[in-house]
Amino acid sequence: MGPSALRYSGLDDRIAKLGYGVRDHGNVLVEIAEIASVADEHARYLPEILAACSKIATHVSEITKAGAIPLVLGGDHSIAMGTLAGLHRASGTGGVLWVDAHGDLNTPGSSPTGNVHGMPLAAALGVCGFDLDGLGAPPWVDPKRVALVGVRSLDPGEKDLIRSQGITAFTMHEIDKRGVDAVMHEALEVVGGPGFVHLSLDVDVCDPEIAPGVGTPVKGGLSYREAHLAMEILAESQALTSIEVVEVNPILDHADITGQLAVELVASALGERIL
């Protein structure tokens, strides 16, 4: 329902008004969670998730090779495995701005929940601990070109992986001290380089006061203007080659304010300005 909420909130029209041609490739069909088997409590619904991600990877690779900008809509953050595998297939190893309240660096052995949407960045780095059938061999991103932005909820295993992989993490503490402008410009320096530069935007990076419709809200997130400034700085850099936006859950939303915010942030990342 997340992609539907973004479409309902006028995503296509908002992007078209910026001068882009927009082609909606529709949804990737996935197994219905209510009738699927959990299979493994340490990596719940993994076969179904990997099957969906394999389809996403094919779409993203084809769109990238055609010279277009893939904009992937979720759904939960597990789809990033498909996005990053597809980008790697088309462009080689790249960098990623992971703008999220969470690190998504768990593995089946470290995850307290077994939810695969807490593992996609570990998968992209090749340290997830499970076979990535149909996606190609990781790593798909260079750990030295990963920048976590806005994180404020990390499990012990994720903290260990950040240190061992040499990943750059800008927590909300850093943003509070230094400001969004300084953090985003430094993050861009980290992720820049050959291949792709991907924005993976989890709307729960924003404070629940402005983004209540997310699956795992965490207090103390980006304000409305901080979130927009971060996206505006990315647009000014002209560095992004691809975007995904995830975790909008309309069941938990209030009058579609989270869906509308997600659309606004995508528009800012693609160049929308106040004046």
C-alpha atoms as a PDB file:
ATOM      1  CA  MET A   1       0.000   0.000   0.000  1.00  0.00           C
ATOM      2  CA  GLY A   2       2.987   2.327   0.352  1.00  0.00           C
ATOM      3  CA  PRO A   3       3.494   2.836  -3.404  1.00  0.00           C
ATOM      4  CA  SER A   4      -0.249   3.390  -3.813  1.00  0.00           C
ATOM      5  CA  ALA A   5      -0.163   6.095  -1.153  1.00  0.00           C
ATOM      6  CA  LEU A   6       2.633   7.886  -3.014  1.00  0.00           C
ATOM      7  CA  ARG A   7       0.767   7.682  -6.307  1.00  0.00           C
ATOM      8  CA  TYR A   8      -2.429   8.878  -4.621  1.00  0.00           C
ATOM      9  CA  SER A   9      -0.484  11.833  -3.222  1.00  0.00           C
ATOM     10  CA  GLY A  10       0.365  13.011  -6.739  1.00  0.00           C
ATOM     11  CA  LEU A  11       3.930  11.798  -7.202  1.00  0.00           C
ATOM     12  CA  ASP A  12       3.810  11.622 -11.017  1.00  0.00           C
ATOM     13  CA  ASP A  13       2.375  15.119 -11.445  1.00  0.00           C
ATOM     14  CA  ARG A  14       4.788  16.598  -8.931  1.00  0.00           C
ATOM     15  CA  ILE A  15       7.793  15.195 -10.805  1.00  0.00           C
ATOM     16  CA  ALA A  16       6.387  16.094 -14.227  1.00  0.00           C
ATOM     17  CA  LYS A  17       6.048  19.730 -13.149  1.00  0.00           C
ATOM     18  CA  LEU A  18       9.827  19.762 -12.668  1.00  0.00           C
ATOM     19  CA  GLY A  19      10.263  19.024 -16.363  1.00  0.00           C
ATOM     20  CA  TYR A  20      10.911  15.307 -16.171  1.00  0.00           C
ATOM     21  CA  GLY A  21       9.239  12.721 -18.335  1.00  0.00           C
ATOM     22  CA  VAL A  22       7.635  10.157 -16.039  1.00  0.00           C
ATOM     23  CA  ARG A  23       6.929   6.519 -16.838  1.00  0.00           C
ATOM     24  CA  ASP A  24       5.309   4.389 -14.164  1.00  0.00           C
ATOM     25  CA  HIS A  25       6.371   0.752 -14.575  1.00  0.00           C
ATOM     26  CA  GLY A  26       3.724  -0.443 -12.115  1.00  0.00           C
ATOM     27  CA  ASN A  27       4.149  -2.756  -9.162  1.00  0.00           C
ATOM     28  CA  VAL A  28       6.322  -5.824  -8.758  1.00  0.00           C
ATOM     29  CA  LEU A  29       4.023  -8.664  -7.757  1.00  0.00           C
ATOM     30  CA  VAL A  30       4.854 -10.224  -4.400  1.00  0.00           C
ATOM     31  CA  GLU A  31       3.467 -13.038  -2.302  1.00  0.00           C
ATOM     32  CA  ILE A  32       0.727 -11.998   0.129  1.00  0.00           C
ATOM     33  CA  ALA A  33       2.333 -12.008   3.564  1.00  0.00           C
ATOM     34  CA  GLU A  34      -0.795 -13.333   5.279  1.00  0.00           C
ATOM     35  CA  ILE A  35      -0.676 -16.593   3.310  1.00  0.00           C
ATOM     36  CA  ALA A  36       3.100 -16.946   2.949  1.00  0.00           C
ATOM     37  CA  SER A  37       5.207 -19.106   5.209  1.00  0.00           C
ATOM     38  CA  VAL A  38       7.581 -17.327   7.582  1.00  0.00           C
ATOM     39  CA  ALA A  39      10.024 -20.215   6.851  1.00  0.00           C
ATOM     40  CA  ASP A  40      12.820 -18.978   9.129  1.00  0.00           C
ATOM     41  CA  GLU A  41      12.184 -16.924  12.260  1.00  0.00           C
ATOM     42  CA  HIS A  42      15.687 -15.451  11.927  1.00  0.00           C
ATOM     43  CA  ALA A  43      14.975 -14.131   8.381  1.00  0.00           C
ATOM     44  CA  ARG A  44      11.217 -13.957   8.017  1.00  0.00           C
ATOM     45  CA  TYR A  45       9.692 -14.458   4.528  1.00  0.00           C
ATOM     46  CA  LEU A  46      13.187 -14.409   3.010  1.00  0.00           C
ATOM     47  CA  PRO A  47      12.441 -16.547  -0.107  1.00  0.00           C
ATOM     48  CA  GLU A  48       9.467 -14.356  -1.064  1.00  0.00           C
ATOM     49  CA  ILE A  49      11.433 -11.166  -0.427  1.00  0.00           C
ATOM     50  CA  LEU A  50      14.364 -12.324  -2.545  1.00  0.00           C
ATOM     51  CA  ALA A  51      12.007 -13.299  -5.366  1.00  0.00           C
ATOM     52  CA  ALA A  52      10.524  -9.791  -5.360  1.00  0.00           C
ATOM     53  CA  CYS A  53      13.956  -8.178  -5.123  1.00  0.00           C
ATOM     54  CA  SER A  54      15.164 -10.178  -8.111  1.00  0.00           C
ATOM     55  CA  LYS A  55      12.359  -8.641 -10.198  1.00  0.00           C
ATOM     56  CA  ILE A  56      13.201  -5.171  -8.875  1.00  0.00           C
ATOM     57  CA  ALA A  57      16.873  -5.668  -9.757  1.00  0.00           C
ATOM     58  CA  THR A  58      15.961  -6.510 -13.355  1.00  0.00           C
ATOM     59  CA  HIS A  59      13.779  -3.403 -13.705  1.00  0.00           C
ATOM     60  CA  VAL A  60      16.341  -1.107 -12.100  1.00  0.00           C
ATOM     61  CA  SER A  61      19.174  -2.453 -14.251  1.00  0.00           C
ATOM     62  CA  GLU A  62      17.181  -2.013 -17.464  1.00  0.00           C
ATOM     63  CA  ILE A  63      16.028   1.498 -16.533  1.00  0.00           C
ATOM     64  CA  THR A  64      19.552   2.554 -15.599  1.00  0.00           C
ATOM     65  CA  LYS A  65      21.031   1.186 -18.827  1.00  0.00           C
ATOM     66  CA  ALA A  66      18.369   3.119 -20.757  1.00  0.00           C
ATOM     67  CA  GLY A  67      19.713   6.354 -19.255  1.00  0.00           C
ATOM     68  CA  ALA A  68      16.733   7.079 -17.021  1.00  0.00           C
ATOM     69  CA  ILE A  69      16.608   7.699 -13.270  1.00  0.00           C
ATOM     70  CA  PRO A  70      15.075   4.753 -11.405  1.00  0.00           C
ATOM     71  CA  LEU A  71      12.741   5.875  -8.623  1.00  0.00           C
ATOM     72  CA  VAL A  72      11.783   2.821  -6.572  1.00  0.00           C
ATOM     73  CA  LEU A  73       8.787   2.963  -4.238  1.00  0.00           C
ATOM     74  CA  GLY A  74       8.245   0.792  -1.180  1.00  0.00           C
ATOM     75  CA  GLY A  75       7.049  -1.016   0.763  1.00  0.00           C
ATOM     76  CA  ASP A  76       9.560  -1.807   3.447  1.00  0.00           C
ATOM     77  CA  HIS A  77      13.298  -1.301   3.177  1.00  0.00           C
ATOM     78  CA  SER A  78      14.031  -4.876   2.150  1.00  0.00           C
ATOM     79  CA  ILE A  79      13.435  -3.740  -1.456  1.00  0.00           C
ATOM     80  CA  ALA A  80      16.806  -1.969  -1.313  1.00  0.00           C
ATOM     81  CA  MET A  81      18.450  -5.336  -1.950  1.00  0.00           C
ATOM     82  CA  GLY A  82      16.790  -5.365  -5.357  1.00  0.00           C
ATOM     83  CA  THR A  83      17.549  -1.728  -6.084  1.00  0.00           C
ATOM     84  CA  LEU A  84      21.233  -1.936  -5.194  1.00  0.00           C
ATOM     85  CA  ALA A  85      21.734  -5.267  -6.944  1.00  0.00           C
ATOM     86  CA  GLY A  86      20.201  -3.776 -10.087  1.00  0.00           C
ATOM     87  CA  LEU A  87      22.327  -0.646  -9.903  1.00  0.00           C
ATOM     88  CA  HIS A  88      25.440  -2.775  -9.475  1.00  0.00           C
ATOM     89  CA  ARG A  89      24.440  -4.931 -12.432  1.00  0.00           C
ATOM     90  CA  ALA A  90      24.163  -1.837 -14.631  1.00  0.00           C
ATOM     91  CA  SER A  91      26.909   0.417 -13.300  1.00  0.00           C
ATOM     92  CA  GLY A  92      29.306  -1.546 -11.099  1.00  0.00           C
ATOM     93  CA  THR A  93      30.015  -0.830  -7.453  1.00  0.00           C
ATOM     94  CA  GLY A  94      28.728   2.494  -6.158  1.00  0.00           C
ATOM     95  CA  GLY A  95      27.907   4.596  -3.131  1.00  0.00           C
ATOM     96  CA  VAL A  96      24.728   5.048  -1.117  1.00  0.00           C
ATOM     97  CA  LEU A  97      23.234   7.703   1.136  1.00  0.00           C
ATOM     98  CA  TRP A  98      21.198   5.721   3.655  1.00  0.00           C
ATOM     99  CA  VAL A  99      18.879   8.375   5.116  1.00  0.00           C
ATOM    100  CA  ASP A 100      17.078   6.466   7.838  1.00  0.00           C
ATOM    101  CA  ALA A 101      16.427   6.301  11.569  1.00  0.00           C
ATOM    102  CA  HIS A 102      17.895   2.786  11.459  1.00  0.00           C
ATOM    103  CA  GLY A 103      21.088   1.248  10.131  1.00  0.00           C
ATOM    104  CA  ASP A 104      19.453  -1.806   8.512  1.00  0.00           C
ATOM    105  CA  LEU A 105      22.738  -3.608   9.090  1.00  0.00           C
ATOM    106  CA  ASN A 106      21.462  -6.603  11.011  1.00  0.00           C
ATOM    107  CA  THR A 107      21.978 -10.224  10.003  1.00  0.00           C
ATOM    108  CA  PRO A 108      19.894 -13.289  10.866  1.00  0.00           C
ATOM    109  CA  GLY A 109      22.323 -13.921  13.709  1.00  0.00           C
ATOM    110  CA  SER A 110      22.174 -10.406  15.163  1.00  0.00           C
ATOM    111  CA  SER A 111      18.592  -9.314  14.450  1.00  0.00           C
ATOM    112  CA  PRO A 112      16.300  -9.201  17.493  1.00  0.00           C
ATOM    113  CA  THR A 113      13.214  -9.551  15.271  1.00  0.00           C
ATOM    114  CA  GLY A 114      14.201 -11.583  12.200  1.00  0.00           C
ATOM    115  CA  ASN A 115      12.718  -8.865   9.978  1.00  0.00           C
ATOM    116  CA  VAL A 116      14.594  -8.742   6.677  1.00  0.00           C
ATOM    117  CA  HIS A 117      13.824  -5.039   6.276  1.00  0.00           C
ATOM    118  CA  GLY A 118      16.439  -4.546   8.990  1.00  0.00           C
ATOM    119  CA  MET A 119      19.120  -6.334   6.907  1.00  0.00           C
ATOM    120  CA  PRO A 120      19.300  -4.879   3.348  1.00  0.00           C
ATOM    121  CA  LEU A 121      22.396  -2.741   3.789  1.00  0.00           C
ATOM    122  CA  ALA A 122      24.254  -5.693   5.306  1.00  0.00           C
ATOM    123  CA  ALA A 123      23.202  -7.674   2.229  1.00  0.00           C
ATOM    124  CA  ALA A 124      24.487  -4.962  -0.102  1.00  0.00           C
ATOM    125  CA  LEU A 125      27.855  -5.139   1.650  1.00  0.00           C
ATOM    126  CA  GLY A 126      27.991  -8.922   1.324  1.00  0.00           C
ATOM    127  CA  VAL A 127      27.813  -9.633   5.056  1.00  0.00           C
ATOM    128  CA  CYS A 128      24.150 -10.563   5.504  1.00  0.00           C
ATOM    129  CA  GLY A 129      24.764 -14.233   6.252  1.00  0.00           C
ATOM    130  CA  PHE A 130      22.296 -15.684   3.736  1.00  0.00           C
ATOM    131  CA  ASP A 131      22.374 -16.565   0.039  1.00  0.00           C
ATOM    132  CA  LEU A 132      21.195 -13.799  -2.269  1.00  0.00           C
ATOM    133  CA  ASP A 133      19.638 -16.026  -4.901  1.00  0.00           C
ATOM    134  CA  GLY A 134      18.972 -14.261  -8.186  1.00  0.00           C
ATOM    135  CA  LEU A 135      20.613 -10.976  -7.224  1.00  0.00           C
ATOM    136  CA  GLY A 136      24.259 -11.485  -8.152  1.00  0.00           C
ATOM    137  CA  ALA A 137      27.215 -11.652  -5.830  1.00  0.00           C
ATOM    138  CA  PRO A 138      27.705  -8.726  -3.438  1.00  0.00           C
ATOM    139  CA  PRO A 139      29.174  -6.383  -2.397  1.00  0.00           C
ATOM    140  CA  TRP A 140      27.121  -4.023  -4.537  1.00  0.00           C
ATOM    141  CA  VAL A 141      28.315  -0.926  -2.674  1.00  0.00           C
ATOM    142  CA  ASP A 142      31.705   0.097  -1.357  1.00  0.00           C
ATOM    143  CA  PRO A 143      31.554   0.272   2.462  1.00  0.00           C
ATOM    144  CA  LYS A 144      33.838   3.317   2.352  1.00  0.00           C
ATOM    145  CA  ARG A 145      31.182   4.997   0.189  1.00  0.00           C
ATOM    146  CA  VAL A 146      28.243   4.429   2.537  1.00  0.00           C
ATOM    147  CA  ALA A 147      26.901   7.349   4.577  1.00  0.00           C
ATOM    148  CA  LEU A 148      24.187   6.754   7.152  1.00  0.00           C
ATOM    149  CA  VAL A 149      22.301   9.990   7.837  1.00  0.00           C
ATOM    150  CA  GLY A 150      19.845  10.607  10.667  1.00  0.00           C
ATOM    151  CA  VAL A 151      20.353   7.278  12.467  1.00  0.00           C
ATOM    152  CA  ARG A 152      19.203   7.098  16.071  1.00  0.00           C
ATOM    153  CA  SER A 153      18.272   3.450  16.649  1.00  0.00           C
ATOM    154  CA  LEU A 154      21.049   0.877  16.235  1.00  0.00           C
ATOM    155  CA  ASP A 155      21.289  -2.680  17.549  1.00  0.00           C
ATOM    156  CA  PRO A 156      24.595  -3.912  19.025  1.00  0.00           C
ATOM    157  CA  GLY A 157      25.432  -6.016  15.960  1.00  0.00           C
ATOM    158  CA  GLU A 158      24.870  -3.020  13.706  1.00  0.00           C
ATOM    159  CA  LYS A 159      27.237  -0.877  15.754  1.00  0.00           C
ATOM    160  CA  ASP A 160      29.889  -3.568  15.467  1.00  0.00           C
ATOM    161  CA  LEU A 161      29.417  -3.774  11.700  1.00  0.00           C
ATOM    162  CA  ILE A 162      29.646  -0.003  11.270  1.00  0.00           C
ATOM    163  CA  ARG A 163      33.010  -0.065  13.015  1.00  0.00           C
ATOM    164  CA  SER A 164      34.381  -3.182  11.300  1.00  0.00           C
ATOM    165  CA  GLN A 165      33.318  -2.069   7.811  1.00  0.00           C
ATOM    166  CA  GLY A 166      34.496   1.519   8.241  1.00  0.00           C
ATOM    167  CA  ILE A 167      31.039   2.923   7.478  1.00  0.00           C
ATOM    168  CA  THR A 168      30.448   6.643   7.987  1.00  0.00           C
ATOM    169  CA  ALA A 169      27.463   7.330  10.238  1.00  0.00           C
ATOM    170  CA  PHE A 170      25.973  10.754  10.906  1.00  0.00           C
ATOM    171  CA  THR A 171      23.645  10.260  13.845  1.00  0.00           C
ATOM    172  CA  MET A 172      21.037  12.770  14.966  1.00  0.00           C
ATOM    173  CA  HIS A 173      23.608  13.837  17.542  1.00  0.00           C
ATOM    174  CA  GLU A 174      25.880  14.930  14.683  1.00  0.00           C
ATOM    175  CA  ILE A 175      23.034  16.735  12.939  1.00  0.00           C
ATOM    176  CA  ASP A 176      22.041  18.508  16.149  1.00  0.00           C
ATOM    177  CA  LYS A 177      25.621  19.669  16.731  1.00  0.00           C
ATOM    178  CA  ARG A 178      26.711  20.527  13.214  1.00  0.00           C
ATOM    179  CA  GLY A 179      23.520  21.131  11.273  1.00  0.00           C
ATOM    180  CA  VAL A 180      22.057  19.495   8.186  1.00  0.00           C
ATOM    181  CA  ASP A 181      24.079  21.563   5.731  1.00  0.00           C
ATOM    182  CA  ALA A 182      27.498  20.493   7.045  1.00  0.00           C
ATOM    183  CA  VAL A 183      26.445  16.859   7.469  1.00  0.00           C
ATOM    184  CA  MET A 184      24.955  16.503   3.985  1.00  0.00           C
ATOM    185  CA  HIS A 185      27.937  18.066   2.246  1.00  0.00           C
ATOM    186  CA  GLU A 186      30.306  15.732   4.089  1.00  0.00           C
ATOM    187  CA  ALA A 187      28.051  12.770   3.321  1.00  0.00           C
ATOM    188  CA  LEU A 188      28.201  13.652  -0.378  1.00  0.00           C
ATOM    189  CA  GLU A 189      31.988  13.611  -0.224  1.00  0.00           C
ATOM    190  CA  VAL A 190      31.829  10.127   1.299  1.00  0.00           C
ATOM    191  CA  VAL A 191      29.503   8.583  -1.294  1.00  0.00           C
ATOM    192  CA  GLY A 192      30.900  10.234  -4.426  1.00  0.00           C
ATOM    193  CA  GLY A 193      32.844   8.283  -7.014  1.00  0.00           C
ATOM    194  CA  PRO A 194      32.421   5.986 -10.022  1.00  0.00           C
ATOM    195  CA  GLY A 195      29.417   3.794 -10.674  1.00  0.00           C
ATOM    196  CA  PHE A 196      26.233   5.010  -9.017  1.00  0.00           C
ATOM    197  CA  VAL A 197      25.297   7.381  -6.179  1.00  0.00           C
ATOM    198  CA  HIS A 198      22.011   6.205  -4.724  1.00  0.00           C
ATOM    199  CA  LEU A 199      19.638   7.827  -2.230  1.00  0.00           C
ATOM    200  CA  SER A 200      17.795   5.321  -0.062  1.00  0.00           C
ATOM    201  CA  LEU A 201      15.240   7.395   1.843  1.00  0.00           C
ATOM    202  CA  ASP A 202      13.304   5.813   4.687  1.00  0.00           C
ATOM    203  CA  VAL A 203      10.614   8.275   5.709  1.00  0.00           C
ATOM    204  CA  ASP A 204      11.071   7.272   9.360  1.00  0.00           C
ATOM    205  CA  VAL A 205      14.205   9.444   9.340  1.00  0.00           C
ATOM    206  CA  CYS A 206      11.696  12.237   9.945  1.00  0.00           C
ATOM    207  CA  ASP A 207      10.251  12.831  13.376  1.00  0.00           C
ATOM    208  CA  PRO A 208       6.983  10.956  14.018  1.00  0.00           C
ATOM    209  CA  GLU A 209       5.283  14.308  14.587  1.00  0.00           C
ATOM    210  CA  ILE A 210       5.498  14.975  10.841  1.00  0.00           C
ATOM    211  CA  ALA A 211       5.686  11.345   9.614  1.00  0.00           C
ATOM    212  CA  PRO A 212       3.417   9.159  11.768  1.00  0.00           C
ATOM    213  CA  GLY A 213       2.617   6.678   8.987  1.00  0.00           C
ATOM    214  CA  VAL A 214       5.723   4.488   9.235  1.00  0.00           C
ATOM    215  CA  GLY A 215       6.243   0.993  10.586  1.00  0.00           C
ATOM    216  CA  THR A 216       9.016   1.715  13.072  1.00  0.00           C
ATOM    217  CA  PRO A 217       8.823   5.340  14.258  1.00  0.00           C
ATOM    218  CA  VAL A 218      11.614   6.701  16.443  1.00  0.00           C
ATOM    219  CA  LYS A 219      11.348  10.006  18.288  1.00  0.00           C
ATOM    220  CA  GLY A 220      13.881  12.749  17.714  1.00  0.00           C
ATOM    221  CA  GLY A 221      14.071  12.717  13.921  1.00  0.00           C
ATOM    222  CA  LEU A 222      14.477  15.338  11.243  1.00  0.00           C
ATOM    223  CA  SER A 223      12.098  18.267  11.268  1.00  0.00           C
ATOM    224  CA  TYR A 224      10.126  19.248   8.176  1.00  0.00           C
ATOM    225  CA  ARG A 225      12.625  21.877   7.097  1.00  0.00           C
ATOM    226  CA  GLU A 226      15.680  19.768   7.985  1.00  0.00           C
ATOM    227  CA  ALA A 227      14.383  16.940   5.800  1.00  0.00           C
ATOM    228  CA  HIS A 228      13.696  19.262   2.889  1.00  0.00           C
ATOM    229  CA  LEU A 229      17.050  20.986   3.220  1.00  0.00           C
ATOM    230  CA  ALA A 230      18.799  17.618   3.114  1.00  0.00           C
ATOM    231  CA  MET A 231      16.994  16.750  -0.135  1.00  0.00           C
ATOM    232  CA  GLU A 232      17.613  20.211  -1.608  1.00  0.00           C
ATOM    233  CA  ILE A 233      21.339  19.880  -0.973  1.00  0.00           C
ATOM    234  CA  LEU A 234      21.321  16.545  -2.792  1.00  0.00           C
ATOM    235  CA  ALA A 235      19.550  18.131  -5.747  1.00  0.00           C
ATOM    236  CA  GLU A 236      22.061  20.987  -5.857  1.00  0.00           C
ATOM    237  CA  SER A 237      24.926  18.488  -5.941  1.00  0.00           C
ATOM    238  CA  GLN A 238      23.521  16.808  -9.086  1.00  0.00           C
ATOM    239  CA  ALA A 239      25.213  13.657  -7.801  1.00  0.00           C
ATOM    240  CA  LEU A 240      22.237  11.325  -7.501  1.00  0.00           C
ATOM    241  CA  THR A 241      21.741   8.643 -10.123  1.00  0.00           C
ATOM    242  CA  SER A 242      18.821   6.861  -8.436  1.00  0.00           C
ATOM    243  CA  ILE A 243      16.342   7.178  -5.576  1.00  0.00           C
ATOM    244  CA  GLU A 244      14.137   4.935  -3.513  1.00  0.00           C
ATOM    245  CA  VAL A 245      11.617   5.967  -0.886  1.00  0.00           C
ATOM    246  CA  VAL A 246      10.281   3.406   1.565  1.00  0.00           C
ATOM    247  CA  GLU A 247       8.292   2.622   4.701  1.00  0.00           C
ATOM    248  CA  VAL A 248       5.179   4.744   4.124  1.00  0.00           C
ATOM    249  CA  ASN A 249       2.349   2.754   5.716  1.00  0.00           C
ATOM    250  CA  PRO A 250      -1.060   4.348   5.030  1.00  0.00           C
ATOM    251  CA  ILE A 251      -2.754   2.182   7.665  1.00  0.00           C
ATOM    252  CA  LEU A 252      -0.727   4.001  10.315  1.00  0.00           C
ATOM    253  CA  ASP A 253      -0.918   7.419   8.662  1.00  0.00           C
ATOM    254  CA  HIS A 254      -3.112  10.392   9.554  1.00  0.00           C
ATOM    255  CA  ALA A 255      -4.995  11.832   6.559  1.00  0.00           C
ATOM    256  CA  ASP A 256      -2.102  10.897   4.223  1.00  0.00           C
ATOM    257  CA  ILE A 257       0.319  13.417   5.724  1.00  0.00           C
ATOM    258  CA  THR A 258       3.218  10.926   5.561  1.00  0.00           C
ATOM    259  CA  GLY A 259       2.455  10.013   1.949  1.00  0.00           C
ATOM    260  CA  GLN A 260       2.320  13.682   1.022  1.00  0.00           C
ATOM    261  CA  LEU A 261       5.579  14.366   2.874  1.00  0.00           C
ATOM    262  CA  ALA A 262       7.313  11.544   1.003  1.00  0.00           C
ATOM    263  CA  VAL A 263       6.198  12.997  -2.327  1.00  0.00           C
ATOM    264  CA  GLU A 264       7.408  16.453  -1.302  1.00  0.00           C
ATOM    265  CA  LEU A 265      10.815  15.083  -0.296  1.00  0.00           C
ATOM    266  CA  VAL A 266      11.246  13.229  -3.579  1.00  0.00           C
ATOM    267  CA  ALA A 267      10.378  16.425  -5.428  1.00  0.00           C
ATOM    268  CA  SER A 268      12.973  18.355  -3.412  1.00  0.00           C
ATOM    269  CA  ALA A 269      15.607  15.693  -4.170  1.00  0.00           C
ATOM    270  CA  LEU A 270      14.795  16.092  -7.891  1.00  0.00           C
ATOM    271  CA  GLY A 271      15.169  19.858  -7.843  1.00  0.00           C
ATOM    272  CA  GLU A 272      11.926  21.464  -6.620  1.00  0.00           C
ATOM    273  CA  ARG A 273      12.569  24.852  -4.995  1.00  0.00           C
ATOM    274  CA  ILE A 274      10.614  27.481  -3.097  1.00  0.00           C
ATOM    275  CA  LEU A 275      11.623  30.146  -5.648  1.00  0.00           C
END
